[in-house]
Amino acid sequence: MPEAPPHVAAVHRLDSQNANRLWQWLLVRQGVGSTVGHVSVPDIADAALGLHAARLASPFATLLARAATPEVALHLWHPATHEAVTTVRCMRKTLHTLPLGLAAAAHAATLHYRERDARRQIFNAGLSVRLIERTTTAIRALLTDQDHLPHRSIEERLASGSTTVAAIRLALKLAWEQGLLTYRNRSPGWNRERRTFALTATTHPHLDMNLDRTVATDRLVAAYFDRYGPASLRDVTWWSGLSRAGILAALDRIGQPLVAVHTPWSPAPLYMFHRRLMEFDQASVAHRPAAEPVLLAHEDVALKAYAETRTRYLGNLDQRLAFNQIGEALPTIVLAGRVAGTWGWDTRTRAVTYTLFRGHVAAADRPGVRRAAQRVTAALRQRYDDGTRTTHHPPAHQQPARLVASPTP
């Protein structure tokens, strides 16, 4: 028997124009397309409900798309930032960089399916629980003396006898999934990874990674609808990896008045908190999103927050142009809330190149795309790490662009 829909205080119907205005307002709240932008990494990670961190370039590019100035994104590597945010595997077992409070909720709400899979890997490898426990104890002892060690250093120091490299790797993974260990990329550049681990209790002594699962689920679901509502139940279950029943129970416990919003994006009702809809109504008259296009990161959180209602940013664009074959959101160019092209990083010239979709970018908007690409190029060059190599940088305005037709949906 299907679960009953959530209780709502009111029902609203939005036509295409007003739905699009609501979507752009939501993006601007996160800093996307805002004429102001956010002034710190933790602020952006909070407003966006995390920086998707599965791809090396994603956190830095996500910050660039939402920051008041490119210099804000450069603070990603600052010690004060590391104290305020942490990177955890959470929603759909994917890396996200989050402020500590949200990280604790995302971790505890999704721990059950991540820990289950980690334990299954141990079982499939034929390793005993006792060996993994003994290995975990050795890892914790090692990291008590020396923190932020690369995984290979941990393996080299602990591998001996029955403590195989495979056992160390699986124990390390389980301890990380459980929140005992904290991951940090200590590379100085956005294009490289130096994966290190430390004890969470040492790195973030006030971070509670043992929240009650119900409490954590309520906080995560509330945070999602606060940032990304209106969204459908399918949107939030896909984004979080949690069950529909779990989402419905959380919405009931949260107790914030919900409204059902009907839009052209989906035949299903969408839900958002009543107070956020009231904010939109009060701000809509003065709301003027920036006309400049924005370059969003690979797997940008604003796109990955939805599954059923991607029409809000795709319009009539074929989804295959904005997502790859395994469902990852490509680095996109967004104009007035709609995907209008894709971009990439040319390692040879160290510059942004881009593709615009025919019929989705007016001639008057193309100079703005070029300026946005130049700004992102300049910022990415500042933190591009290629060792001691030096490469000639042609001016960003000389970088190639392509215009392609959109496949027929």
Protein backbone atom coordinates (compact mmCIF):
# COMPACT_ATOMS: atom_id res chain seq x y z
CA MET A 1 0.00 0.00 0.00
CA PRO A 2 1.56 3.35 -1.00
CA GLU A 3 2.41 5.83 1.73
CA ALA A 4 0.13 8.81 2.19
CA PRO A 5 1.54 12.09 0.87
CA PRO A 6 2.83 14.62 3.38
CA HIS A 7 0.33 16.92 5.03
CA VAL A 8 0.35 20.39 3.44
CA ALA A 9 -0.97 23.70 4.69
CA ALA A 10 -1.77 25.03 1.21
CA VAL A 11 -1.60 24.23 -2.50
CA HIS A 12 -0.14 26.61 -5.09
CA ARG A 13 -0.05 26.41 -8.87
CA LEU A 14 2.67 28.22 -10.81
CA ASP A 15 2.75 28.82 -14.52
CA SER A 16 6.02 28.54 -16.45
CA GLN A 17 7.01 32.17 -15.91
CA ASN A 18 6.51 32.18 -12.16
CA ALA A 19 8.03 28.72 -11.73
CA ASN A 20 11.13 29.92 -13.56
CA ARG A 21 11.29 33.02 -11.36
CA LEU A 22 11.09 30.80 -8.28
CA TRP A 23 13.90 28.61 -9.60
CA GLN A 24 16.14 31.61 -10.26
CA TRP A 25 15.38 32.99 -6.80
CA LEU A 26 16.42 29.68 -5.28
CA LEU A 27 19.71 29.74 -7.22
CA VAL A 28 20.46 33.31 -6.20
CA ARG A 29 19.94 32.37 -2.53
CA GLN A 30 22.77 29.90 -3.01
CA GLY A 31 24.93 32.51 -4.73
CA VAL A 32 24.49 31.20 -8.29
CA GLY A 33 23.86 34.18 -10.55
CA SER A 34 23.83 36.53 -7.58
CA THR A 35 25.19 40.05 -7.94
CA VAL A 36 26.49 39.74 -4.36
CA GLY A 37 27.69 36.19 -3.72
CA HIS A 38 28.97 34.60 -0.53
CA VAL A 39 32.11 35.68 1.27
CA SER A 40 33.43 32.43 2.79
CA VAL A 41 33.84 28.76 1.95
CA PRO A 42 31.72 27.58 4.94
CA ASP A 43 28.93 29.99 3.95
CA ILE A 44 28.84 28.57 0.42
CA ALA A 45 29.00 24.97 1.64
CA ASP A 46 26.09 25.72 3.96
CA ALA A 47 23.97 27.55 1.38
CA ALA A 48 24.50 24.84 -1.25
CA LEU A 49 24.17 21.94 1.20
CA GLY A 50 27.70 20.84 0.45
CA LEU A 51 30.32 20.98 -2.25
CA HIS A 52 30.25 17.86 -4.40
CA ALA A 53 33.79 16.49 -4.03
CA ALA A 54 33.92 13.26 -6.01
CA ARG A 55 35.76 15.02 -8.87
CA LEU A 56 38.94 16.92 -8.04
CA ALA A 57 37.92 20.18 -9.69
CA SER A 58 34.35 20.21 -8.38
CA PRO A 59 34.76 21.89 -4.95
CA PHE A 60 36.86 24.76 -6.32
CA ALA A 61 34.59 25.29 -9.35
CA THR A 62 31.50 25.13 -7.14
CA LEU A 63 32.93 27.89 -4.98
CA LEU A 64 33.81 30.05 -7.99
CA ALA A 65 30.20 29.89 -9.18
CA ARG A 66 28.86 31.21 -5.86
CA ALA A 67 31.56 33.42 -4.34
CA ALA A 68 31.48 37.20 -4.15
CA THR A 69 35.01 37.23 -5.61
CA PRO A 70 37.36 34.51 -6.94
CA GLU A 71 39.61 35.10 -3.92
CA VAL A 72 36.94 33.51 -1.69
CA ALA A 73 37.44 30.19 -3.49
CA LEU A 74 41.18 30.33 -2.81
CA HIS A 75 40.39 29.95 0.90
CA LEU A 76 39.42 26.32 0.22
CA TRP A 77 42.95 25.39 1.32
CA HIS A 78 43.13 27.74 4.32
CA PRO A 79 43.60 26.15 7.78
CA ALA A 80 40.59 28.07 9.11
CA THR A 81 38.44 26.50 6.39
CA HIS A 82 39.62 23.01 7.34
CA GLU A 83 38.52 23.72 10.90
CA ALA A 84 35.01 24.70 9.76
CA VAL A 85 34.25 22.08 7.08
CA THR A 86 35.03 18.44 6.51
CA THR A 87 34.67 16.02 3.60
CA VAL A 88 32.54 12.93 4.19
CA ARG A 89 31.01 10.17 2.13
CA CYS A 90 27.29 10.57 2.61
CA MET A 91 24.40 11.04 0.18
CA ARG A 92 24.39 8.16 -2.30
CA LYS A 93 27.87 7.26 -0.97
CA THR A 94 29.38 10.33 -2.64
CA LEU A 95 31.99 12.72 -1.25
CA HIS A 96 30.65 16.07 -0.05
CA THR A 97 32.45 18.89 1.74
CA LEU A 98 30.10 20.25 4.41
CA PRO A 99 30.08 22.52 7.47
CA LEU A 100 30.54 20.39 10.57
CA GLY A 101 26.91 20.38 11.73
CA LEU A 102 25.58 19.39 8.31
CA ALA A 103 28.40 16.86 7.90
CA ALA A 104 27.37 15.14 11.15
CA ALA A 105 23.74 14.94 10.00
CA ALA A 106 24.58 13.75 6.47
CA HIS A 107 26.97 11.15 7.89
CA ALA A 108 24.61 9.70 10.50
CA ALA A 109 21.54 9.73 8.24
CA THR A 110 23.30 7.72 5.51
CA LEU A 111 25.64 5.59 7.64
CA HIS A 112 23.42 2.50 7.60
CA TYR A 113 23.74 1.80 3.88
CA ARG A 114 27.38 2.88 3.62
CA GLU A 115 28.49 0.74 6.57
CA ARG A 116 26.46 -2.20 5.23
CA ASP A 117 28.32 -2.06 1.92
CA ALA A 118 31.72 -1.70 3.60
CA ARG A 119 31.06 -4.76 5.78
CA ARG A 120 29.89 -6.70 2.74
CA GLN A 121 33.22 -5.96 1.03
CA ILE A 122 35.05 -7.33 4.06
CA PHE A 123 32.92 -10.48 4.05
CA ASN A 124 33.41 -10.98 0.31
CA ALA A 125 37.18 -10.65 0.79
CA GLY A 126 37.10 -13.54 3.29
CA LEU A 127 38.48 -11.42 6.14
CA SER A 128 37.45 -12.02 9.73
CA VAL A 129 35.79 -9.40 11.91
CA ARG A 130 38.52 -9.95 14.48
CA LEU A 131 41.27 -9.14 11.96
CA ILE A 132 39.51 -5.95 10.89
CA GLU A 133 39.03 -4.88 14.50
CA ARG A 134 42.70 -5.52 15.28
CA THR A 135 43.77 -3.63 12.17
CA THR A 136 41.49 -0.71 13.00
CA THR A 137 43.03 -0.50 16.47
CA ALA A 138 46.50 -0.36 14.88
CA ILE A 139 45.39 2.38 12.47
CA ARG A 140 43.99 4.46 15.31
CA ALA A 141 47.17 4.04 17.33
CA LEU A 142 49.30 5.10 14.37
CA LEU A 143 47.18 8.18 13.68
CA THR A 144 47.29 9.15 17.33
CA ASP A 145 51.00 9.77 16.91
CA GLN A 146 51.01 11.05 13.31
CA ASP A 147 47.89 12.48 11.76
CA HIS A 148 46.98 13.19 8.14
CA LEU A 149 48.90 10.27 6.73
CA PRO A 150 48.41 9.12 3.13
CA HIS A 151 46.82 5.69 2.86
CA ARG A 152 49.98 4.23 1.32
CA SER A 153 52.03 5.37 4.32
CA ILE A 154 49.53 3.67 6.61
CA GLU A 155 49.78 0.48 4.56
CA GLU A 156 53.60 0.52 4.54
CA ARG A 157 53.81 0.94 8.30
CA LEU A 158 51.22 -1.63 9.30
CA ALA A 159 51.43 -4.39 6.69
CA SER A 160 52.99 -7.54 8.17
CA GLY A 161 52.04 -11.17 8.63
CA SER A 162 48.27 -11.62 8.58
CA THR A 163 47.76 -7.85 8.40
CA THR A 164 47.71 -7.64 4.63
CA VAL A 165 47.39 -4.50 2.53
CA ALA A 166 43.88 -5.65 1.60
CA ALA A 167 42.93 -5.89 5.29
CA ILE A 168 44.36 -2.43 5.99
CA ARG A 169 42.47 -0.87 3.08
CA LEU A 170 39.16 -2.41 4.08
CA ALA A 171 39.64 -1.52 7.75
CA LEU A 172 40.53 2.02 6.71
CA LYS A 173 37.41 2.25 4.57
CA LEU A 174 35.14 0.94 7.31
CA ALA A 175 36.64 3.30 9.91
CA TRP A 176 36.16 6.22 7.53
CA GLU A 177 32.57 5.24 6.81
CA GLN A 178 31.91 4.97 10.54
CA GLY A 179 33.28 8.46 11.15
CA LEU A 180 36.29 7.39 13.19
CA LEU A 181 38.60 8.85 10.57
CA THR A 182 38.55 12.11 8.66
CA TYR A 183 39.65 12.49 5.05
CA ARG A 184 41.47 15.54 3.75
CA ASN A 185 42.96 16.30 0.37
CA ARG A 186 46.28 17.99 1.18
CA SER A 187 47.23 18.77 -2.39
CA PRO A 188 47.90 22.49 -2.96
CA GLY A 189 46.04 22.46 -6.28
CA TRP A 190 42.51 21.70 -7.43
CA ASN A 191 43.68 19.24 -10.08
CA ARG A 192 45.55 16.79 -7.85
CA GLU A 193 44.71 14.65 -4.84
CA ARG A 194 46.85 13.81 -1.85
CA ARG A 195 44.39 11.73 0.14
CA THR A 196 45.22 11.67 3.84
CA PHE A 197 43.50 10.40 6.96
CA ALA A 198 43.43 11.56 10.57
CA LEU A 199 41.42 10.75 13.67
CA THR A 200 38.17 12.70 13.66
CA ALA A 201 38.47 13.19 17.42
CA THR A 202 41.81 14.94 16.87
CA THR A 203 40.94 16.98 13.79
CA HIS A 204 37.45 18.02 14.89
CA PRO A 205 37.18 17.36 18.64
CA HIS A 206 33.71 18.93 18.87
CA LEU A 207 32.22 17.11 15.88
CA ASP A 208 29.62 14.56 16.98
CA MET A 209 29.63 11.76 14.41
CA ASN A 210 27.30 9.62 16.53
CA LEU A 211 24.02 11.45 16.08
CA ASP A 212 20.87 9.39 16.45
CA ARG A 213 19.85 8.25 12.98
CA THR A 214 16.32 9.66 13.30
CA VAL A 215 17.57 13.04 14.48
CA ALA A 216 20.14 13.12 11.69
CA THR A 217 17.57 12.19 9.05
CA ASP A 218 15.25 14.96 10.20
CA ARG A 219 18.05 17.52 10.00
CA LEU A 220 19.17 16.37 6.57
CA VAL A 221 15.66 16.32 5.09
CA ALA A 222 14.91 19.74 6.58
CA ALA A 223 18.16 21.12 5.17
CA TYR A 224 17.35 19.74 1.72
CA PHE A 225 13.87 21.24 1.48
CA ASP A 226 15.13 24.50 2.99
CA ARG A 227 17.75 24.87 0.22
CA TYR A 228 16.18 23.02 -2.71
CA GLY A 229 12.43 23.09 -2.27
CA PRO A 230 10.17 22.96 -4.14
CA ALA A 231 11.15 19.40 -4.91
CA SER A 232 9.32 16.14 -5.42
CA LEU A 233 9.59 13.11 -3.17
CA ARG A 234 11.42 11.33 -5.97
CA ASP A 235 13.92 14.22 -6.12
CA VAL A 236 14.81 13.98 -2.44
CA THR A 237 14.92 10.19 -2.28
CA TRP A 238 17.23 10.09 -5.30
CA TRP A 239 19.48 12.82 -3.90
CA SER A 240 19.76 11.36 -0.40
CA GLY A 241 19.66 7.62 -1.01
CA LEU A 242 17.05 7.40 1.78
CA SER A 243 13.72 5.62 1.43
CA ARG A 244 10.48 7.35 0.57
CA ALA A 245 9.01 6.12 3.85
CA GLY A 246 11.95 7.58 5.74
CA ILE A 247 11.54 10.94 4.00
CA LEU A 248 7.81 11.07 4.73
CA ALA A 249 8.36 10.20 8.38
CA ALA A 250 10.99 12.92 8.66
CA LEU A 251 8.72 15.55 7.12
CA ASP A 252 6.02 14.59 9.63
CA ARG A 253 8.45 14.87 12.57
CA ILE A 254 10.01 18.16 11.38
CA GLY A 255 6.67 19.87 11.79
CA GLN A 256 7.39 22.90 9.60
CA PRO A 257 4.33 23.86 7.52
CA LEU A 258 4.65 22.52 3.98
CA VAL A 259 3.01 23.73 0.82
CA ALA A 260 2.41 21.68 -2.30
CA VAL A 261 3.51 23.48 -5.45
CA HIS A 262 2.34 22.38 -8.89
CA THR A 263 4.67 23.43 -11.71
CA PRO A 264 5.27 22.53 -15.36
CA TRP A 265 8.41 20.65 -14.29
CA SER A 266 6.56 17.49 -13.27
CA PRO A 267 3.03 16.12 -12.95
CA ALA A 268 3.90 15.18 -9.35
CA PRO A 269 3.34 17.74 -6.58
CA LEU A 270 6.46 19.46 -5.30
CA TYR A 271 6.97 20.47 -1.68
CA MET A 272 8.63 23.39 0.03
CA PHE A 273 8.44 25.05 3.42
CA HIS A 274 5.70 27.66 3.65
CA ARG A 275 8.08 30.27 5.07
CA ARG A 276 10.35 29.99 2.03
CA LEU A 277 7.45 30.50 -0.35
CA MET A 278 6.46 33.59 1.62
CA GLU A 279 10.03 34.89 1.33
CA PHE A 280 9.88 34.41 -2.41
CA ASP A 281 6.56 36.23 -2.68
CA GLN A 282 7.93 39.18 -0.72
CA ALA A 283 11.21 39.32 -2.64
CA SER A 284 9.94 38.61 -6.13
CA VAL A 285 9.17 42.21 -7.07
CA ALA A 286 12.69 43.40 -6.32
CA HIS A 287 14.35 40.16 -7.40
CA ARG A 288 16.58 40.68 -10.39
CA PRO A 289 19.00 37.82 -11.04
CA ALA A 290 22.27 38.68 -12.71
CA ALA A 291 22.25 38.55 -16.49
CA GLU A 292 25.79 37.14 -16.65
CA PRO A 293 26.12 33.40 -17.31
CA VAL A 294 27.58 31.13 -14.64
CA LEU A 295 29.94 28.16 -15.11
CA LEU A 296 28.82 25.34 -12.83
CA ALA A 297 31.10 22.53 -11.70
CA HIS A 298 31.13 18.90 -12.77
CA GLU A 299 28.45 17.29 -10.58
CA ASP A 300 27.36 20.69 -9.32
CA VAL A 301 25.05 20.35 -6.34
CA ALA A 302 22.39 22.64 -7.85
CA LEU A 303 21.90 20.17 -10.71
CA LYS A 304 22.40 16.96 -8.72
CA ALA A 305 19.74 17.97 -6.19
CA TYR A 306 17.03 16.83 -8.60
CA ALA A 307 16.10 13.75 -10.60
CA GLU A 308 12.43 14.10 -11.50
CA THR A 309 12.30 17.87 -12.00
CA ARG A 310 15.38 18.59 -14.08
CA THR A 311 13.18 20.40 -16.59
CA ARG A 312 13.55 23.40 -14.26
CA TYR A 313 17.06 23.92 -15.64
CA LEU A 314 16.99 21.88 -18.84
CA GLY A 315 13.84 23.26 -20.40
CA ASN A 316 13.50 21.44 -23.73
CA LEU A 317 17.18 20.53 -23.80
CA ASP A 318 17.98 16.84 -24.19
CA GLN A 319 19.30 15.54 -20.86
CA ARG A 320 22.12 13.73 -22.65
CA LEU A 321 23.77 17.08 -23.34
CA ALA A 322 24.05 17.95 -19.64
CA PHE A 323 24.68 14.49 -18.15
CA ASN A 324 27.13 11.79 -19.17
CA GLN A 325 26.35 8.11 -19.69
CA ILE A 326 26.76 7.22 -16.01
CA GLY A 327 24.48 10.01 -14.86
CA GLU A 328 27.07 12.59 -13.80
CA ALA A 329 26.22 16.25 -14.36
CA LEU A 330 28.74 17.74 -16.77
CA PRO A 331 30.36 21.13 -16.19
CA THR A 332 27.63 23.37 -17.56
CA ILE A 333 27.06 26.98 -18.51
CA VAL A 334 23.85 28.30 -16.98
CA LEU A 335 22.12 31.41 -18.26
CA ALA A 336 19.02 32.78 -16.49
CA GLY A 337 18.68 29.47 -14.66
CA ARG A 338 18.83 27.28 -17.77
CA VAL A 339 21.65 25.10 -19.08
CA ALA A 340 22.95 26.71 -22.26
CA GLY A 341 26.23 24.89 -22.83
CA THR A 342 29.08 22.90 -21.34
CA TRP A 343 32.67 23.77 -20.55
CA GLY A 344 35.93 22.03 -19.82
CA TRP A 345 39.56 22.61 -18.90
CA ASP A 346 42.20 22.32 -21.62
CA THR A 347 45.35 21.07 -19.87
CA ARG A 348 47.54 22.03 -22.84
CA THR A 349 46.61 25.71 -22.86
CA ARG A 350 45.42 25.82 -19.25
CA ALA A 351 42.24 27.55 -20.23
CA VAL A 352 38.49 27.03 -20.24
CA THR A 353 36.96 25.88 -23.51
CA TYR A 354 33.24 25.72 -24.00
CA THR A 355 30.40 24.52 -26.20
CA LEU A 356 27.17 26.49 -26.58
CA PHE A 357 23.96 24.76 -27.56
CA ARG A 358 22.38 26.13 -30.71
CA GLY A 359 19.19 27.98 -30.00
CA HIS A 360 19.90 28.33 -26.28
CA VAL A 361 22.22 31.36 -26.26
CA ALA A 362 21.32 34.64 -27.94
CA ALA A 363 24.02 36.53 -29.80
CA ALA A 364 23.85 39.27 -27.18
CA ASP A 365 24.72 36.75 -24.43
CA ARG A 366 27.85 35.33 -26.05
CA PRO A 367 30.19 38.11 -24.88
CA GLY A 368 29.02 37.39 -21.32
CA VAL A 369 29.88 33.70 -21.75
CA ARG A 370 33.32 34.69 -22.97
CA ARG A 371 33.86 36.98 -19.97
CA ALA A 372 32.71 34.25 -17.56
CA ALA A 373 35.11 31.77 -19.18
CA GLN A 374 37.96 34.27 -18.83
CA ARG A 375 37.23 34.78 -15.13
CA VAL A 376 37.12 31.05 -14.44
CA THR A 377 40.27 30.50 -16.50
CA ALA A 378 42.16 33.09 -14.44
CA ALA A 379 40.99 31.57 -11.16
CA LEU A 380 41.75 27.96 -12.15
CA ARG A 381 45.25 28.95 -13.26
CA GLN A 382 46.00 30.33 -9.81
CA ARG A 383 45.65 26.91 -8.22
CA TYR A 384 46.66 24.63 -11.07
CA ASP A 385 49.42 22.26 -9.94
CA ASP A 386 51.74 20.75 -12.52
CA GLY A 387 54.95 20.58 -10.49
CA THR A 388 57.81 22.53 -12.00
CA ARG A 389 56.58 22.61 -15.59
CA THR A 390 55.99 25.98 -17.17
CA THR A 391 53.56 26.44 -20.00
CA HIS A 392 52.76 29.43 -22.18
CA HIS A 393 49.29 30.76 -21.42
CA PRO A 394 47.57 32.28 -24.45
CA PRO A 395 45.10 35.04 -23.54
CA ALA A 396 41.81 33.60 -22.35
CA HIS A 397 39.86 35.46 -25.02
CA GLN A 398 41.70 33.44 -27.65
CA GLN A 399 40.38 30.14 -26.35
CA PRO A 400 38.15 28.20 -28.73
CA ALA A 401 34.39 27.89 -28.39
CA ARG A 402 31.96 25.74 -30.31
CA LEU A 403 28.30 26.03 -31.11
CA VAL A 404 26.46 22.73 -31.47
CA ALA A 405 22.93 21.74 -32.21
CA SER A 406 20.76 20.18 -29.55
CA PRO A 407 19.70 16.59 -30.29
CA THR A 408 16.01 16.15 -30.79
CA PRO A 409 14.43 15.09 -27.47
